[in-house]
PDB file of N, CA and C in Angstrom:
ATOM      1  N   MET A   1     107.837 -96.509 115.345  1.00  0.00           N
ATOM      2  CA  MET A   1     106.850 -97.553 115.452  1.00  0.00           C
ATOM      3  C   MET A   1     105.668 -97.093 116.318  1.00  0.00           C
ATOM      4  N   GLU A   2     105.975 -96.389 117.381  1.00  0.00           N
ATOM      5  CA  GLU A   2     104.925 -95.899 118.276  1.00  0.00           C
ATOM      6  C   GLU A   2     104.023 -94.895 117.570  1.00  0.00           C
ATOM      7  N   GLN A   3     104.617 -94.097 116.697  1.00  0.00           N
ATOM      8  CA  GLN A   3     103.847 -93.089 115.968  1.00  0.00           C
ATOM      9  C   GLN A   3     102.862 -93.753 115.007  1.00  0.00           C
ATOM     10  N   GLN A   4     103.270 -94.844 114.389  1.00  0.00           N
ATOM     11  CA  GLN A   4     102.397 -95.564 113.480  1.00  0.00           C
ATOM     12  C   GLN A   4     101.230 -96.205 114.244  1.00  0.00           C
ATOM     13  N   THR A   5     101.494 -96.722 115.420  1.00  0.00           N
ATOM     14  CA  THR A   5     100.449 -97.321 116.245  1.00  0.00           C
ATOM     15  C   THR A   5      99.434 -96.267 116.671  1.00  0.00           C
ATOM     16  N   ASP A   6      99.905 -95.085 117.037  1.00  0.00           N
ATOM     17  CA  ASP A   6      99.000 -93.997 117.404  1.00  0.00           C
ATOM     18  C   ASP A   6      98.138 -93.585 116.214  1.00  0.00           C
ATOM     19  N   LEU A   7      98.755 -93.555 115.042  1.00  0.00           N
ATOM     20  CA  LEU A   7      98.024 -93.172 113.839  1.00  0.00           C
ATOM     21  C   LEU A   7      96.930 -94.188 113.522  1.00  0.00           C
ATOM     22  N   ILE A   8      97.233 -95.469 113.660  1.00  0.00           N
ATOM     23  CA  ILE A   8      96.235 -96.514 113.413  1.00  0.00           C
ATOM     24  C   ILE A   8      95.115 -96.430 114.452  1.00  0.00           C
ATOM     25  N   ALA A   9      95.454 -96.176 115.695  1.00  0.00           N
ATOM     26  CA  ALA A   9      94.441 -96.057 116.755  1.00  0.00           C
ATOM     27  C   ALA A   9      93.520 -94.873 116.489  1.00  0.00           C
ATOM     28  N   GLU A  10      94.071 -93.762 116.052  1.00  0.00           N
ATOM     29  CA  GLU A  10      93.251 -92.590 115.716  1.00  0.00           C
ATOM     30  C   GLU A  10      92.351 -92.886 114.524  1.00  0.00           C
ATOM     31  N   ALA A  11      92.870 -93.615 113.546  1.00  0.00           N
ATOM     32  CA  ALA A  11      92.057 -93.956 112.368  1.00  0.00           C
ATOM     33  C   ALA A  11      90.883 -94.849 112.765  1.00  0.00           C
ATOM     34  N   ILE A  12      91.139 -95.813 113.635  1.00  0.00           N
ATOM     35  CA  ILE A  12      90.059 -96.704 114.085  1.00  0.00           C
ATOM     36  C   ILE A  12      89.034 -95.926 114.892  1.00  0.00           C
ATOM     37  N   THR A  13      89.500 -95.037 115.761  1.00  0.00           N
ATOM     38  CA  THR A  13      88.582 -94.218 116.558  1.00  0.00           C
ATOM     39  C   THR A  13      87.716 -93.337 115.663  1.00  0.00           C
ATOM     40  N   LEU A  14      88.330 -92.703 114.693  1.00  0.00           N
ATOM     41  CA  LEU A  14      87.583 -91.851 113.762  1.00  0.00           C
ATOM     42  C   LEU A  14      86.577 -92.669 112.967  1.00  0.00           C
ATOM     43  N   THR A  15      86.972 -93.856 112.540  1.00  0.00           N
ATOM     44  CA  THR A  15      86.066 -94.733 111.790  1.00  0.00           C
ATOM     45  C   THR A  15      84.864 -95.121 112.639  1.00  0.00           C
ATOM     46  N   LEU A  16      85.106 -95.507 113.884  1.00  0.00           N
ATOM     47  CA  LEU A  16      83.999 -95.910 114.758  1.00  0.00           C
ATOM     48  C   LEU A  16      83.056 -94.753 115.055  1.00  0.00           C
ATOM     49  N   PHE A  17      83.608 -93.562 115.303  1.00  0.00           N
ATOM     50  CA  PHE A  17      82.752 -92.396 115.530  1.00  0.00           C
ATOM     51  C   PHE A  17      81.944 -92.054 114.275  1.00  0.00           C
ATOM     52  N   GLY A  18      82.570 -92.133 113.132  1.00  0.00           N
ATOM     53  CA  GLY A  18      81.870 -91.836 111.877  1.00  0.00           C
ATOM     54  C   GLY A  18      80.749 -92.817 111.609  1.00  0.00           C
ATOM     55  N   MET A  19      81.042 -94.110 111.764  1.00  0.00           N
ATOM     56  CA  MET A  19      80.015 -95.125 111.539  1.00  0.00           C
ATOM     57  C   MET A  19      78.895 -95.019 112.571  1.00  0.00           C
ATOM     58  N   GLY A  20      79.243 -94.694 113.801  1.00  0.00           N
ATOM     59  CA  GLY A  20      78.229 -94.515 114.837  1.00  0.00           C
ATOM     60  C   GLY A  20      77.317 -93.345 114.541  1.00  0.00           C
ATOM     61  N   PHE A  21      77.895 -92.261 114.077  1.00  0.00           N
ATOM     62  CA  PHE A  21      77.095 -91.082 113.737  1.00  0.00           C
ATOM     63  C   PHE A  21      76.146 -91.385 112.581  1.00  0.00           C
ATOM     64  N   VAL A  22      76.653 -92.067 111.565  1.00  0.00           N
ATOM     65  CA  VAL A  22      75.804 -92.420 110.422  1.00  0.00           C
ATOM     66  C   VAL A  22      74.686 -93.353 110.865  1.00  0.00           C
ATOM     67  N   PHE A  23      74.998 -94.332 111.715  1.00  0.00           N
ATOM     68  CA  PHE A  23      73.978 -95.249 112.217  1.00  0.00           C
ATOM     69  C   PHE A  23      72.899 -94.501 112.990  1.00  0.00           C
ATOM     70  N   LEU A  24      73.299 -93.609 113.872  1.00  0.00           N
ATOM     71  CA  LEU A  24      72.313 -92.841 114.639  1.00  0.00           C
ATOM     72  C   LEU A  24      71.463 -91.950 113.744  1.00  0.00           C
ATOM     73  N   PHE A  25      72.095 -91.320 112.769  1.00  0.00           N
ATOM     74  CA  PHE A  25      71.360 -90.449 111.850  1.00  0.00           C
ATOM     75  C   PHE A  25      70.330 -91.241 111.052  1.00  0.00           C
ATOM     76  N   LEU A  26      70.722 -92.400 110.522  1.00  0.00           N
ATOM     77  CA  LEU A  26      69.785 -93.199 109.734  1.00  0.00           C
ATOM     78  C   LEU A  26      68.661 -93.765 110.598  1.00  0.00           C
ATOM     79  N   THR A  27      68.966 -94.149 111.825  1.00  0.00           N
ATOM     80  CA  THR A  27      67.932 -94.627 112.743  1.00  0.00           C
ATOM     81  C   THR A  27      66.929 -93.513 113.033  1.00  0.00           C
ATOM     82  N   LEU A  28      67.415 -92.332 113.304  1.00  0.00           N
ATOM     83  CA  LEU A  28      66.537 -91.190 113.535  1.00  0.00           C
ATOM     84  C   LEU A  28      65.688 -90.904 112.296  1.00  0.00           C
ATOM     85  N   LEU A  29      66.287 -91.002 111.128  1.00  0.00           N
ATOM     86  CA  LEU A  29      65.566 -90.768 109.880  1.00  0.00           C
ATOM     87  C   LEU A  29      64.427 -91.768 109.703  1.00  0.00           C
ATOM     88  N   VAL A  30      64.648 -93.025 110.043  1.00  0.00           N
ATOM     89  CA  VAL A  30      63.598 -94.046 109.937  1.00  0.00           C
ATOM     90  C   VAL A  30      62.446 -93.712 110.876  1.00  0.00           C
ATOM     91  N   PHE A  31      62.750 -93.355 112.132  1.00  0.00           N
ATOM     92  CA  PHE A  31      61.692 -93.045 113.081  1.00  0.00           C
ATOM     93  C   PHE A  31      60.908 -91.798 112.679  1.00  0.00           C
ATOM     94  N   VAL A  32      61.575 -90.792 112.186  1.00  0.00           N
ATOM     95  CA  VAL A  32      60.879 -89.577 111.752  1.00  0.00           C
ATOM     96  C   VAL A  32      59.986 -89.878 110.556  1.00  0.00           C
ATOM     97  N   THR A  33      60.461 -90.707 109.633  1.00  0.00           N
ATOM     98  CA  THR A  33      59.658 -91.075 108.464  1.00  0.00           C
ATOM     99  C   THR A  33      58.414 -91.857 108.883  1.00  0.00           C
ATOM    100  N   LYS A  34      58.575 -92.781 109.828  1.00  0.00           N
ATOM    101  CA  LYS A  34      57.418 -93.541 110.310  1.00  0.00           C
ATOM    102  C   LYS A  34      56.428 -92.622 111.017  1.00  0.00           C
ATOM    103  N   LEU A  35      56.921 -91.683 111.797  1.00  0.00           N
ATOM    104  CA  LEU A  35      56.054 -90.734 112.484  1.00  0.00           C
ATOM    105  C   LEU A  35      55.271 -89.892 111.478  1.00  0.00           C
ATOM    106  N   MET A  36      55.944 -89.420 110.443  1.00  0.00           N
ATOM    107  CA  MET A  36      55.262 -88.634 109.413  1.00  0.00           C
ATOM    108  C   MET A  36      54.196 -89.471 108.714  1.00  0.00           C
ATOM    109  N   SER A  37      54.476 -90.743 108.474  1.00  0.00           N
ATOM    110  CA  SER A  37      53.511 -91.628 107.834  1.00  0.00           C
ATOM    111  C   SER A  37      52.265 -91.786 108.696  1.00  0.00           C
ATOM    112  N   VAL A  38      52.448 -91.961 110.000  1.00  0.00           N
ATOM    113  CA  VAL A  38      51.305 -92.108 110.910  1.00  0.00           C
ATOM    114  C   VAL A  38      50.481 -90.829 110.929  1.00  0.00           C
ATOM    115  N   VAL A  39      51.139 -89.690 110.986  1.00  0.00           N
ATOM    116  CA  VAL A  39      50.423 -88.409 111.021  1.00  0.00           C
ATOM    117  C   VAL A  39      49.620 -88.211 109.735  1.00  0.00           C
ATOM    118  N   ILE A  40      50.204 -88.513 108.601  1.00  0.00           N
ATOM    119  CA  ILE A  40      49.501 -88.320 107.324  1.00  0.00           C
ATOM    120  C   ILE A  40      48.332 -89.286 107.200  1.00  0.00           C
ATOM    121  N   GLN A  41      48.498 -90.535 107.679  1.00  0.00           N
ATOM    122  CA  GLN A  41      47.381 -91.472 107.637  1.00  0.00           C
ATOM    123  C   GLN A  41      46.228 -90.994 108.506  1.00  0.00           C
ATOM    124  N   LYS A  42      46.531 -90.433 109.668  1.00  0.00           N
ATOM    125  CA  LYS A  42      45.470 -89.904 110.531  1.00  0.00           C
ATOM    126  C   LYS A  42      44.789 -88.713 109.873  1.00  0.00           C
ATOM    127  N   MET A  43      45.560 -87.869 109.191  1.00  0.00           N
ATOM    128  CA  MET A  43      44.968 -86.720 108.499  1.00  0.00           C
ATOM    129  C   MET A  43      44.070 -87.189 107.362  1.00  0.00           C
ATOM    130  N   ASN A  44      44.457 -88.248 106.651  1.00  0.00           N
ATOM    131  CA  ASN A  44      43.635 -88.762 105.554  1.00  0.00           C
ATOM    132  C   ASN A  44      42.344 -89.381 106.070  1.00  0.00           C
ATOM    133  N   LYS A  45      42.385 -90.029 107.224  1.00  0.00           N
ATOM    134  CA  LYS A  45      41.173 -90.611 107.796  1.00  0.00           C
ATOM    135  C   LYS A  45      40.186 -89.531 108.187  1.00  0.00           C
ATOM    136  N   GLN A  46      40.687 -88.390 108.656  1.00  0.00           N
ATOM    137  CA  GLN A  46      39.803 -87.300 109.059  1.00  0.00           C
ATOM    138  C   GLN A  46      39.153 -86.651 107.852  1.00  0.00           C
ATOM    139  N   SER A  47      39.837 -86.581 106.728  1.00  0.00           N
ATOM    140  CA  SER A  47      39.292 -85.900 105.558  1.00  0.00           C
ATOM    141  C   SER A  47      38.585 -86.853 104.606  1.00  0.00           C
ATOM    142  N   SER A  48      38.568 -88.150 104.866  1.00  0.00           N
ATOM    143  CA  SER A  48      37.979 -89.108 103.932  1.00  0.00           C
ATOM    144  C   SER A  48      36.459 -88.999 103.788  1.00  0.00           C
ATOM    145  N   PRO A  49      35.653 -88.669 104.808  1.00  0.00           N
ATOM    146  CA  PRO A  49      34.205 -88.582 104.572  1.00  0.00           C
ATOM    147  C   PRO A  49      33.830 -87.562 103.500  1.00  0.00           C
ATOM    148  N   LYS A  50      34.555 -86.487 103.393  1.00  0.00           N
ATOM    149  CA  LYS A  50      34.277 -85.484 102.367  1.00  0.00           C
ATOM    150  C   LYS A  50      34.594 -86.027 100.981  1.00  0.00           C
ATOM    151  N   ASP A  51      35.619 -86.867 100.884  1.00  0.00           N
ATOM    152  CA  ASP A  51      36.070 -87.369  99.585  1.00  0.00           C
ATOM    153  C   ASP A  51      35.201 -88.508  99.068  1.00  0.00           C
ATOM    154  N   ASP A  52      34.406 -89.164  99.936  1.00  0.00           N
ATOM    155  CA  ASP A  52      33.609 -90.305  99.508  1.00  0.00           C
ATOM    156  C   ASP A  52      32.556 -89.912  98.479  1.00  0.00           C
ATOM    157  N   VAL A  53      32.019 -88.712  98.561  1.00  0.00           N
ATOM    158  CA  VAL A  53      30.990 -88.259  97.633  1.00  0.00           C
ATOM    159  C   VAL A  53      31.558 -88.162  96.226  1.00  0.00           C
ATOM    160  N   HIS A  54      32.761 -87.632  96.095  1.00  0.00           N
ATOM    161  CA  HIS A  54      33.377 -87.451  94.783  1.00  0.00           C
ATOM    162  C   HIS A  54      34.076 -88.718  94.309  1.00  0.00           C
ATOM    163  N   HIS A  55      34.292 -89.651  95.211  1.00  0.00           N
ATOM    164  CA  HIS A  55      35.043 -90.854  94.861  1.00  0.00           C
ATOM    165  C   HIS A  55      34.276 -91.704  93.840  1.00  0.00           C
ATOM    166  N   SER A  56      32.956 -91.823  93.979  1.00  0.00           N
ATOM    167  CA  SER A  56      32.171 -92.631  93.045  1.00  0.00           C
ATOM    168  C   SER A  56      32.168 -91.994  91.657  1.00  0.00           C
ATOM    169  N   ASP A  57      32.149 -90.661  91.575  1.00  0.00           N
ATOM    170  CA  ASP A  57      32.211 -89.985  90.283  1.00  0.00           C
ATOM    171  C   ASP A  57      33.535 -90.250  89.592  1.00  0.00           C
ATOM    172  N   ASN A  58      34.607 -90.244  90.362  1.00  0.00           N
ATOM    173  CA  ASN A  58      35.928 -90.487  89.791  1.00  0.00           C
ATOM    174  C   ASN A  58      36.058 -91.907  89.274  1.00  0.00           C
ATOM    175  N   LEU A  59      35.401 -92.865  89.912  1.00  0.00           N
ATOM    176  CA  LEU A  59      35.492 -94.250  89.468  1.00  0.00           C
ATOM    177  C   LEU A  59      34.849 -94.424  88.104  1.00  0.00           C
ATOM    178  N   SER A  60      33.674 -93.835  87.888  1.00  0.00           N
ATOM    179  CA  SER A  60      33.021 -93.986  86.595  1.00  0.00           C
ATOM    180  C   SER A  60      33.832 -93.298  85.501  1.00  0.00           C
ATOM    181  N   LEU A  61      34.414 -92.154  85.804  1.00  0.00           N
ATOM    182  CA  LEU A  61      35.259 -91.466  84.832  1.00  0.00           C
ATOM    183  C   LEU A  61      36.498 -92.287  84.537  1.00  0.00           C
ATOM    184  N   LYS A  62      37.052 -92.898  85.569  1.00  0.00           N
ATOM    185  CA  LYS A  62      38.246 -93.719  85.387  1.00  0.00           C
ATOM    186  C   LYS A  62      37.924 -94.937  84.524  1.00  0.00           C
ATOM    187  N   ASP A  63      36.749 -95.549  84.729  1.00  0.00           N
ATOM    188  CA  ASP A  63      36.352 -96.707  83.926  1.00  0.00           C
ATOM    189  C   ASP A  63      36.193 -96.324  82.461  1.00  0.00           C
ATOM    190  N   GLU A  64      35.596 -95.167  82.216  1.00  0.00           N
ATOM    191  CA  GLU A  64      35.441 -94.697  80.842  1.00  0.00           C
ATOM    192  C   GLU A  64      36.793 -94.439  80.197  1.00  0.00           C
ATOM    193  N   MET A  65      37.693 -93.857  80.945  1.00  0.00           N
ATOM    194  CA  MET A  65      39.027 -93.602  80.405  1.00  0.00           C
ATOM    195  C   MET A  65      39.744 -94.909  80.118  1.00  0.00           C
ATOM    196  N   ASP A  66      39.535 -95.909  80.964  1.00  0.00           N
ATOM    197  CA  ASP A  66      40.168 -97.199  80.733  1.00  0.00           C
ATOM    198  C   ASP A  66      39.642 -97.844  79.453  1.00  0.00           C
ATOM    199  N   GLU A  67      38.356 -97.769  79.228  1.00  0.00           N
ATOM    200  CA  GLU A  67      37.777 -98.332  78.003  1.00  0.00           C
ATOM    201  C   GLU A  67      38.284 -97.589  76.773  1.00  0.00           C
ATOM    202  N   GLU A  68      38.366 -96.287  76.878  1.00  0.00           N
ATOM    203  CA  GLU A  68      38.869 -95.496  75.752  1.00  0.00           C
ATOM    204  C   GLU A  68      40.338 -95.815  75.485  1.00  0.00           C
ATOM    205  N   ALA A  69      41.109 -95.912  76.547  1.00  0.00           N
ATOM    206  CA  ALA A  69      42.531 -96.238  76.387  1.00  0.00           C
ATOM    207  C   ALA A  69      42.689 -97.629  75.798  1.00  0.00           C
ATOM    208  N   LYS A  70      41.847 -98.556  76.224  1.00  0.00           N
ATOM    209  CA  LYS A  70      41.901 -99.915  75.689  1.00  0.00           C
ATOM    210  C   LYS A  70      41.622 -99.902  74.189  1.00  0.00           C
ATOM    211  N   PHE A  71      40.621 -99.150  73.769  1.00  0.00           N
ATOM    212  CA  PHE A  71      40.278 -99.056  72.349  1.00  0.00           C
ATOM    213  C   PHE A  71      41.429 -98.459  71.545  1.00  0.00           C
ATOM    214  N   VAL A  72      42.023 -97.383  72.072  1.00  0.00           N
ATOM    215  CA  VAL A  72      43.117 -96.717  71.370  1.00  0.00           C
ATOM    216  C   VAL A  72      44.318 -97.649  71.235  1.00  0.00           C
ATOM    217  N   ILE A  73      44.613 -98.387  72.283  1.00  0.00           N
ATOM    218  CA  ILE A  73      45.746 -99.316  72.239  1.00  0.00           C
ATOM    219  C   ILE A  73      45.493-100.423  71.223  1.00  0.00           C
ATOM    220  N   GLU A  74      44.261-100.945  71.194  1.00  0.00           N
ATOM    221  CA  GLU A  74      43.931-101.988  70.210  1.00  0.00           C
ATOM    222  C   GLU A  74      44.085-101.466  68.785  1.00  0.00           C
ATOM    223  N   GLN A  75      43.634-100.235  68.544  1.00  0.00           N
ATOM    224  CA  GLN A  75      43.757 -99.654  67.201  1.00  0.00           C
ATOM    225  C   GLN A  75      45.224 -99.428  66.831  1.00  0.00           C
ATOM    226  N   ALA A  76      46.030 -99.005  67.791  1.00  0.00           N
ATOM    227  CA  ALA A  76      47.448 -98.784  67.521  1.00  0.00           C
ATOM    228  C   ALA A  76      48.149-100.098  67.196  1.00  0.00           C
ATOM    229  N   ILE A  77      47.780-101.167  67.883  1.00  0.00           N
ATOM    230  CA  ILE A  77      48.379-102.480  67.593  1.00  0.00           C
ATOM    231  C   ILE A  77      47.988-102.937  66.198  1.00  0.00           C
ATOM    232  N   LYS A  78      46.728-102.738  65.828  1.00  0.00           N
ATOM    233  CA  LYS A  78      46.276-103.112  64.479  1.00  0.00           C
ATOM    234  C   LYS A  78      47.030-102.326  63.420  1.00  0.00           C
ATOM    235  N   MET A  79      47.218-101.019  63.659  1.00  0.00           N
ATOM    236  CA  MET A  79      47.961-100.196  62.684  1.00  0.00           C
ATOM    237  C   MET A  79      49.407-100.654  62.579  1.00  0.00           C
ATOM    238  N   HIS A  80      50.006-101.016  63.699  1.00  0.00           N
ATOM    239  CA  HIS A  80      51.406-101.439  63.704  1.00  0.00           C
ATOM    240  C   HIS A  80      51.583-102.758  62.948  1.00  0.00           C
ATOM    241  N   ARG A  81      50.636-103.650  63.089  1.00  0.00           N
ATOM    242  CA  ARG A  81      50.714-104.943  62.419  1.00  0.00           C
ATOM    243  C   ARG A  81      50.301-104.840  60.956  1.00  0.00           C
ATOM    244  N   GLY A  82      49.667-103.744  60.590  1.00  0.00           N
ATOM    245  CA  GLY A  82      49.259-103.534  59.213  1.00  0.00           C
ATOM    246  C   GLY A  82      47.948-104.217  58.879  1.00  0.00           C
ATOM    247  N   ALA A  83      47.177-104.552  59.882  1.00  0.00           N
ATOM    248  CA  ALA A  83      45.916-105.241  59.648  1.00  0.00           C
ATOM    249  C   ALA A  83      44.781-104.278  59.439  1.00  0.00           C
TER     250      ALA A  83
END
């Protein structure tokens, strides 16, 4: 009976250590991820003035692509319906 009690106590101890380790690891992972996010946001703010010049060109190209895609989708729907 004493041997079974020792075995259960060891199992509980191992479970608590395992769960504690996983909790600490995941907590550390969250903090490291948040830190990386802050660093990348600061890096993007520093490089954004250079990107503003090309940003307006990309918007007009994106609008044209959207209109073209809209036209193609409308034609595909018409073909599918047989109209």
